[in-house]
């Protein structure tokens, strides 16, 4: 592997890792938003009951 090939390989590997991180961040953000929505709903229900 030439230095050029190696740096190209490193670049592609890093970009893949960055894209994977972005996806995981999006997924965890989405699931946190779902949890927040559920909590809001439960609080609304509790307020209307009392």
C-alpha atoms as a PDB file:
ATOM      1  CA  UNK A   1       0.000   0.000   0.000  1.00  0.00           C
ATOM      2  CA  UNK A   2       1.479   3.332  -1.074  1.00  0.00           C
ATOM      3  CA  UNK A   3       1.268   6.373   1.202  1.00  0.00           C
ATOM      4  CA  UNK A   4      -1.393   7.825  -1.135  1.00  0.00           C
ATOM      5  CA  UNK A   5      -3.491   4.647  -0.938  1.00  0.00           C
ATOM      6  CA  UNK A   6      -3.079   4.567   2.828  1.00  0.00           C
ATOM      7  CA  UNK A   7      -4.159   8.185   3.299  1.00  0.00           C
ATOM      8  CA  UNK A   8      -7.140   7.582   0.987  1.00  0.00           C
ATOM      9  CA  UNK A   9      -8.049   4.506   3.017  1.00  0.00           C
ATOM     10  CA  UNK A  10      -7.741   6.434   6.309  1.00  0.00           C
ATOM     11  CA  UNK A  11      -9.868   9.255   4.905  1.00  0.00           C
ATOM     12  CA  UNK A  12     -12.634   6.881   3.790  1.00  0.00           C
ATOM     13  CA  UNK A  13     -12.558   5.024   7.118  1.00  0.00           C
ATOM     14  CA  UNK A  14     -12.821   8.301   9.032  1.00  0.00           C
ATOM     15  CA  UNK A  15     -15.708   9.509   6.871  1.00  0.00           C
ATOM     16  CA  UNK A  16     -17.562   6.233   7.426  1.00  0.00           C
ATOM     17  CA  UNK A  17     -17.046   6.575  11.178  1.00  0.00           C
ATOM     18  CA  UNK A  18     -18.291  10.182  11.130  1.00  0.00           C
ATOM     19  CA  UNK A  19     -21.401   9.153   9.173  1.00  0.00           C
ATOM     20  CA  UNK A  20     -22.053   6.296  11.607  1.00  0.00           C
ATOM     21  CA  UNK A  21     -21.702   8.685  14.542  1.00  0.00           C
ATOM     22  CA  UNK A  22     -24.153  11.102  12.907  1.00  0.00           C
ATOM     23  CA  UNK A  23     -26.678   8.282  12.495  1.00  0.00           C
ATOM     24  CA  UNK A  24     -26.317   7.120  16.099  1.00  0.00           C
ATOM     25  CA  UNK A  25     -26.682  10.706  17.290  1.00  0.00           C
ATOM     26  CA  UNK A  26     -29.854  11.118  15.216  1.00  0.00           C
ATOM     27  CA  UNK A  27     -31.265   7.846  16.573  1.00  0.00           C
ATOM     28  CA  UNK A  28     -30.540   8.702  20.198  1.00  0.00           C
ATOM     29  CA  UNK A  29     -31.928  12.218  19.722  1.00  0.00           C
ATOM     30  CA  UNK A  30     -35.114  10.745  18.235  1.00  0.00           C
ATOM     31  CA  UNK A  31     -35.545   8.284  21.072  1.00  0.00           C
ATOM     32  CA  UNK A  32     -34.947  11.027  23.655  1.00  0.00           C
ATOM     33  CA  UNK A  33     -37.620  13.140  21.955  1.00  0.00           C
ATOM     34  CA  UNK A  34     -40.030  10.180  22.090  1.00  0.00           C
ATOM     35  CA  UNK A  35     -39.351   9.760  25.817  1.00  0.00           C
ATOM     36  CA  UNK A  36     -39.912  13.500  26.361  1.00  0.00           C
ATOM     37  CA  UNK A  37     -43.228  13.308  24.480  1.00  0.00           C
ATOM     38  CA  UNK A  38     -44.341  10.351  26.613  1.00  0.00           C
ATOM     39  CA  UNK A  39     -43.473  12.220  29.809  1.00  0.00           C
ATOM     40  CA  UNK A  40     -45.407  15.296  28.623  1.00  0.00           C
ATOM     41  CA  UNK A  41     -48.439  13.130  27.853  1.00  0.00           C
ATOM     42  CA  UNK A  42     -48.299  11.495  31.288  1.00  0.00           C
ATOM     43  CA  UNK A  43     -48.049  14.891  32.996  1.00  0.00           C
ATOM     44  CA  UNK A  44     -51.057  16.148  31.019  1.00  0.00           C
ATOM     45  CA  UNK A  45     -53.058  13.083  32.051  1.00  0.00           C
ATOM     46  CA  UNK A  46     -52.077  13.546  35.691  1.00  0.00           C
ATOM     47  CA  UNK A  47     -53.127  17.231  35.629  1.00  0.00           C
ATOM     48  CA  UNK A  48     -56.511  16.539  34.062  1.00  0.00           C
ATOM     49  CA  UNK A  49     -57.276  13.743  36.541  1.00  0.00           C
ATOM     50  CA  UNK A  50     -56.791  15.745  39.731  1.00  0.00           C
END
